[in-house]
């Protein structure tokens, strides 16, 4: 897979060597994630996506070169949020927020989407539901800071 992310130079935070175990469980669950990227005019662009983990990176697959792919190519700063399934002791729903830098790789989207479909849709599904899907793009996000409400909140980076 060839990296096509932008070369915009920015001060980078230190990447998290590992997400906390409870955060990893949520990322690998069937809960939809929201990815926020930055449009060319500086406004936010938010999309629901399927996510998984590849090592310490959060990955998502995209068949077309849509706006979020173009945004990450131009500006790698992203935020991913995932609402959990549990409420905390005072009744508030848990959620995870991951801030980081992402890069776009050409190719590999159909294979990743099939893996994620097993999690999100079930073991007997074929996704994408087409013959010969385009190679697409994989967005790989390196977590740099986590927050939200849940057992991962307040853990040292």
C-alpha atoms as a PDB file:
ATOM      1  CA  UNK A   1       0.000   0.000   0.000  1.00  0.00           C
ATOM      2  CA  UNK A   2       1.349   3.364  -1.009  1.00  0.00           C
ATOM      3  CA  UNK A   3       1.061   6.270   1.422  1.00  0.00           C
ATOM      4  CA  UNK A   4      -0.565   9.342  -0.070  1.00  0.00           C
ATOM      5  CA  UNK A   5      -0.903  11.525   3.017  1.00  0.00           C
ATOM      6  CA  UNK A   6      -0.044  15.172   2.785  1.00  0.00           C
ATOM      7  CA  UNK A   7       3.368  16.398   3.749  1.00  0.00           C
ATOM      8  CA  UNK A   8       2.125  19.373   5.758  1.00  0.00           C
ATOM      9  CA  UNK A   9       4.598  19.931   8.564  1.00  0.00           C
ATOM     10  CA  UNK A  10       3.037  20.315  12.014  1.00  0.00           C
ATOM     11  CA  UNK A  11       4.185  19.927  15.587  1.00  0.00           C
ATOM     12  CA  UNK A  12       3.239  16.393  16.595  1.00  0.00           C
ATOM     13  CA  UNK A  13       2.382  15.024  19.985  1.00  0.00           C
ATOM     14  CA  UNK A  14       3.982  11.796  21.088  1.00  0.00           C
ATOM     15  CA  UNK A  15       2.008   8.805  19.855  1.00  0.00           C
ATOM     16  CA  UNK A  16       0.424   6.557  22.446  1.00  0.00           C
ATOM     17  CA  UNK A  17       2.358   3.289  22.489  1.00  0.00           C
ATOM     18  CA  UNK A  18      -0.843   1.421  23.293  1.00  0.00           C
ATOM     19  CA  UNK A  19      -4.449   2.337  23.837  1.00  0.00           C
ATOM     20  CA  UNK A  20      -5.647   1.251  27.285  1.00  0.00           C
ATOM     21  CA  UNK A  21      -7.249  -2.233  27.172  1.00  0.00           C
ATOM     22  CA  UNK A  22     -10.803  -0.930  27.770  1.00  0.00           C
ATOM     23  CA  UNK A  23     -10.395   1.582  24.929  1.00  0.00           C
ATOM     24  CA  UNK A  24      -9.107  -1.175  22.620  1.00  0.00           C
ATOM     25  CA  UNK A  25     -12.179  -3.279  23.409  1.00  0.00           C
ATOM     26  CA  UNK A  26     -14.466  -0.372  22.472  1.00  0.00           C
ATOM     27  CA  UNK A  27     -12.571   0.365  19.226  1.00  0.00           C
ATOM     28  CA  UNK A  28     -12.831  -3.303  18.236  1.00  0.00           C
ATOM     29  CA  UNK A  29     -16.538  -3.524  19.108  1.00  0.00           C
ATOM     30  CA  UNK A  30     -19.428  -3.014  16.725  1.00  0.00           C
ATOM     31  CA  UNK A  31     -20.027   0.556  17.870  1.00  0.00           C
ATOM     32  CA  UNK A  32     -20.001   3.150  15.085  1.00  0.00           C
ATOM     33  CA  UNK A  33     -17.252   5.732  15.237  1.00  0.00           C
ATOM     34  CA  UNK A  34     -17.366   9.378  14.214  1.00  0.00           C
ATOM     35  CA  UNK A  35     -14.311  10.784  12.443  1.00  0.00           C
ATOM     36  CA  UNK A  36     -13.836  14.529  12.375  1.00  0.00           C
ATOM     37  CA  UNK A  37     -11.479  15.983   9.771  1.00  0.00           C
ATOM     38  CA  UNK A  38     -10.818  19.551   8.667  1.00  0.00           C
ATOM     39  CA  UNK A  39     -12.270  20.874   5.405  1.00  0.00           C
ATOM     40  CA  UNK A  40     -10.172  23.201   3.196  1.00  0.00           C
ATOM     41  CA  UNK A  41     -12.072  26.219   4.581  1.00  0.00           C
ATOM     42  CA  UNK A  42     -11.300  25.180   8.177  1.00  0.00           C
ATOM     43  CA  UNK A  43     -14.776  23.903   9.016  1.00  0.00           C
ATOM     44  CA  UNK A  44     -15.166  20.453  10.559  1.00  0.00           C
ATOM     45  CA  UNK A  45     -16.301  17.464   8.503  1.00  0.00           C
ATOM     46  CA  UNK A  46     -17.760  14.546  10.486  1.00  0.00           C
ATOM     47  CA  UNK A  47     -18.614  11.091   9.181  1.00  0.00           C
ATOM     48  CA  UNK A  48     -19.780   7.825  10.779  1.00  0.00           C
ATOM     49  CA  UNK A  49     -17.297   5.061  10.009  1.00  0.00           C
ATOM     50  CA  UNK A  50     -16.432   1.490  10.900  1.00  0.00           C
ATOM     51  CA  UNK A  51     -13.124   1.180  12.741  1.00  0.00           C
ATOM     52  CA  UNK A  52     -10.760  -1.517  13.878  1.00  0.00           C
ATOM     53  CA  UNK A  53      -7.215  -1.831  15.137  1.00  0.00           C
ATOM     54  CA  UNK A  54      -4.054  -2.774  13.291  1.00  0.00           C
ATOM     55  CA  UNK A  55      -1.398  -2.856  15.967  1.00  0.00           C
ATOM     56  CA  UNK A  56      -1.643   0.493  17.710  1.00  0.00           C
ATOM     57  CA  UNK A  57      -3.324   2.291  14.788  1.00  0.00           C
ATOM     58  CA  UNK A  58      -7.051   2.815  14.364  1.00  0.00           C
ATOM     59  CA  UNK A  59      -7.974   1.860  10.796  1.00  0.00           C
ATOM     60  CA  UNK A  60     -10.953   2.554   8.556  1.00  0.00           C
ATOM     61  CA  UNK A  61     -11.621   1.625   4.924  1.00  0.00           C
ATOM     62  CA  UNK A  62     -13.040   3.889   2.210  1.00  0.00           C
ATOM     63  CA  UNK A  63     -13.800   2.874  -1.366  1.00  0.00           C
ATOM     64  CA  UNK A  64     -14.140   6.314  -2.961  1.00  0.00           C
ATOM     65  CA  UNK A  65     -11.699   9.178  -2.512  1.00  0.00           C
ATOM     66  CA  UNK A  66     -14.325  11.086  -0.563  1.00  0.00           C
ATOM     67  CA  UNK A  67     -14.008  14.322   1.388  1.00  0.00           C
ATOM     68  CA  UNK A  68     -12.595  12.745   4.551  1.00  0.00           C
ATOM     69  CA  UNK A  69      -9.848  11.048   2.518  1.00  0.00           C
ATOM     70  CA  UNK A  70      -8.993  14.320   0.768  1.00  0.00           C
ATOM     71  CA  UNK A  71      -9.042  16.166   4.097  1.00  0.00           C
ATOM     72  CA  UNK A  72      -6.614  13.712   5.725  1.00  0.00           C
ATOM     73  CA  UNK A  73      -4.310  13.911   2.693  1.00  0.00           C
ATOM     74  CA  UNK A  74      -4.190  17.688   3.141  1.00  0.00           C
ATOM     75  CA  UNK A  75      -4.266  17.935   6.962  1.00  0.00           C
ATOM     76  CA  UNK A  76      -3.606  14.784   9.023  1.00  0.00           C
ATOM     77  CA  UNK A  77      -5.234  15.997  12.254  1.00  0.00           C
ATOM     78  CA  UNK A  78      -8.290  13.901  13.147  1.00  0.00           C
ATOM     79  CA  UNK A  79     -10.572  13.198  16.071  1.00  0.00           C
ATOM     80  CA  UNK A  80     -12.424   9.902  16.426  1.00  0.00           C
ATOM     81  CA  UNK A  81     -15.230   9.418  18.925  1.00  0.00           C
ATOM     82  CA  UNK A  82     -17.051   6.210  19.783  1.00  0.00           C
ATOM     83  CA  UNK A  83     -20.104   5.964  22.016  1.00  0.00           C
ATOM     84  CA  UNK A  84     -19.951   2.956  24.304  1.00  0.00           C
ATOM     85  CA  UNK A  85     -22.792   0.654  25.297  1.00  0.00           C
ATOM     86  CA  UNK A  86     -22.510   1.183  29.060  1.00  0.00           C
ATOM     87  CA  UNK A  87     -23.614   3.916  31.430  1.00  0.00           C
ATOM     88  CA  UNK A  88     -21.387   5.016  34.285  1.00  0.00           C
ATOM     89  CA  UNK A  89     -22.379   5.058  37.957  1.00  0.00           C
ATOM     90  CA  UNK A  90     -24.307   8.360  37.602  1.00  0.00           C
ATOM     91  CA  UNK A  91     -26.148   7.277  34.460  1.00  0.00           C
ATOM     92  CA  UNK A  92     -24.042   8.981  31.783  1.00  0.00           C
ATOM     93  CA  UNK A  93     -23.190   7.000  28.638  1.00  0.00           C
ATOM     94  CA  UNK A  94     -19.494   6.172  28.279  1.00  0.00           C
ATOM     95  CA  UNK A  95     -17.632   7.419  25.202  1.00  0.00           C
ATOM     96  CA  UNK A  96     -14.095   7.491  23.912  1.00  0.00           C
ATOM     97  CA  UNK A  97     -12.420  10.410  22.145  1.00  0.00           C
ATOM     98  CA  UNK A  98      -9.132   9.825  20.318  1.00  0.00           C
ATOM     99  CA  UNK A  99      -7.127  12.720  18.935  1.00  0.00           C
ATOM    100  CA  UNK A 100      -4.312  11.931  16.585  1.00  0.00           C
ATOM    101  CA  UNK A 101      -2.680  12.185  13.205  1.00  0.00           C
ATOM    102  CA  UNK A 102      -3.754  10.045  10.280  1.00  0.00           C
ATOM    103  CA  UNK A 103      -2.319   9.003   6.979  1.00  0.00           C
ATOM    104  CA  UNK A 104      -3.963   7.628   3.858  1.00  0.00           C
ATOM    105  CA  UNK A 105      -2.798   4.449   2.151  1.00  0.00           C
ATOM    106  CA  UNK A 106      -3.943   3.551  -1.339  1.00  0.00           C
ATOM    107  CA  UNK A 107      -5.451   0.099  -1.637  1.00  0.00           C
ATOM    108  CA  UNK A 108      -6.586  -2.461   0.878  1.00  0.00           C
ATOM    109  CA  UNK A 109     -10.038  -1.016   1.552  1.00  0.00           C
ATOM    110  CA  UNK A 110     -12.114  -3.997   0.328  1.00  0.00           C
ATOM    111  CA  UNK A 111     -10.149  -6.432   2.481  1.00  0.00           C
ATOM    112  CA  UNK A 112     -10.380  -4.199   5.550  1.00  0.00           C
ATOM    113  CA  UNK A 113     -14.085  -3.535   4.978  1.00  0.00           C
ATOM    114  CA  UNK A 114     -14.717  -7.295   4.792  1.00  0.00           C
ATOM    115  CA  UNK A 115     -12.935  -7.805   8.119  1.00  0.00           C
ATOM    116  CA  UNK A 116     -14.920  -4.969   9.694  1.00  0.00           C
ATOM    117  CA  UNK A 117     -18.188  -6.259   8.190  1.00  0.00           C
ATOM    118  CA  UNK A 118     -17.794  -9.451  10.222  1.00  0.00           C
ATOM    119  CA  UNK A 119     -17.805  -7.271  13.350  1.00  0.00           C
ATOM    120  CA  UNK A 120     -20.489  -4.776  12.306  1.00  0.00           C
ATOM    121  CA  UNK A 121     -22.839  -6.936  10.188  1.00  0.00           C
ATOM    122  CA  UNK A 122     -22.200 -10.577  11.037  1.00  0.00           C
ATOM    123  CA  UNK A 123     -20.145 -13.586  10.024  1.00  0.00           C
ATOM    124  CA  UNK A 124     -22.148 -14.510   6.932  1.00  0.00           C
ATOM    125  CA  UNK A 125     -21.936 -11.202   5.091  1.00  0.00           C
ATOM    126  CA  UNK A 126     -19.992 -10.229   1.979  1.00  0.00           C
ATOM    127  CA  UNK A 127     -18.856  -6.611   1.949  1.00  0.00           C
ATOM    128  CA  UNK A 128     -18.465  -4.601  -0.168  1.00  0.00           C
ATOM    129  CA  UNK A 129     -21.439  -6.224  -1.905  1.00  0.00           C
ATOM    130  CA  UNK A 130     -20.015  -5.961  -5.421  1.00  0.00           C
ATOM    131  CA  UNK A 131     -17.738  -7.844  -7.768  1.00  0.00           C
ATOM    132  CA  UNK A 132     -14.296  -6.304  -8.211  1.00  0.00           C
ATOM    133  CA  UNK A 133     -14.574  -3.329  -5.853  1.00  0.00           C
ATOM    134  CA  UNK A 134     -12.050  -0.529  -6.356  1.00  0.00           C
ATOM    135  CA  UNK A 135      -8.895  -0.744  -4.208  1.00  0.00           C
ATOM    136  CA  UNK A 136      -9.968   2.319  -2.228  1.00  0.00           C
ATOM    137  CA  UNK A 137      -8.109   3.831   0.679  1.00  0.00           C
ATOM    138  CA  UNK A 138      -7.254   2.930   4.251  1.00  0.00           C
ATOM    139  CA  UNK A 139      -7.009   5.712   6.820  1.00  0.00           C
ATOM    140  CA  UNK A 140      -4.563   4.857   9.611  1.00  0.00           C
ATOM    141  CA  UNK A 141      -4.820   7.003  12.728  1.00  0.00           C
ATOM    142  CA  UNK A 142      -2.062   7.114  15.321  1.00  0.00           C
ATOM    143  CA  UNK A 143      -3.622   7.996  18.690  1.00  0.00           C
ATOM    144  CA  UNK A 144      -1.875  10.838  20.487  1.00  0.00           C
ATOM    145  CA  UNK A 145      -4.358  11.759  23.189  1.00  0.00           C
ATOM    146  CA  UNK A 146      -7.451  10.084  24.589  1.00  0.00           C
ATOM    147  CA  UNK A 147     -10.380  11.385  26.571  1.00  0.00           C
ATOM    148  CA  UNK A 148     -14.061  10.926  27.022  1.00  0.00           C
ATOM    149  CA  UNK A 149     -16.006   9.246  29.785  1.00  0.00           C
ATOM    150  CA  UNK A 150     -15.100   5.698  30.751  1.00  0.00           C
ATOM    151  CA  UNK A 151     -12.373   3.597  32.341  1.00  0.00           C
ATOM    152  CA  UNK A 152      -9.809   5.024  29.866  1.00  0.00           C
ATOM    153  CA  UNK A 153     -10.407   8.634  31.020  1.00  0.00           C
ATOM    154  CA  UNK A 154      -7.580  10.101  33.032  1.00  0.00           C
ATOM    155  CA  UNK A 155      -5.135   7.351  32.204  1.00  0.00           C
ATOM    156  CA  UNK A 156      -1.587   8.613  31.650  1.00  0.00           C
ATOM    157  CA  UNK A 157      -0.300   8.978  28.145  1.00  0.00           C
END
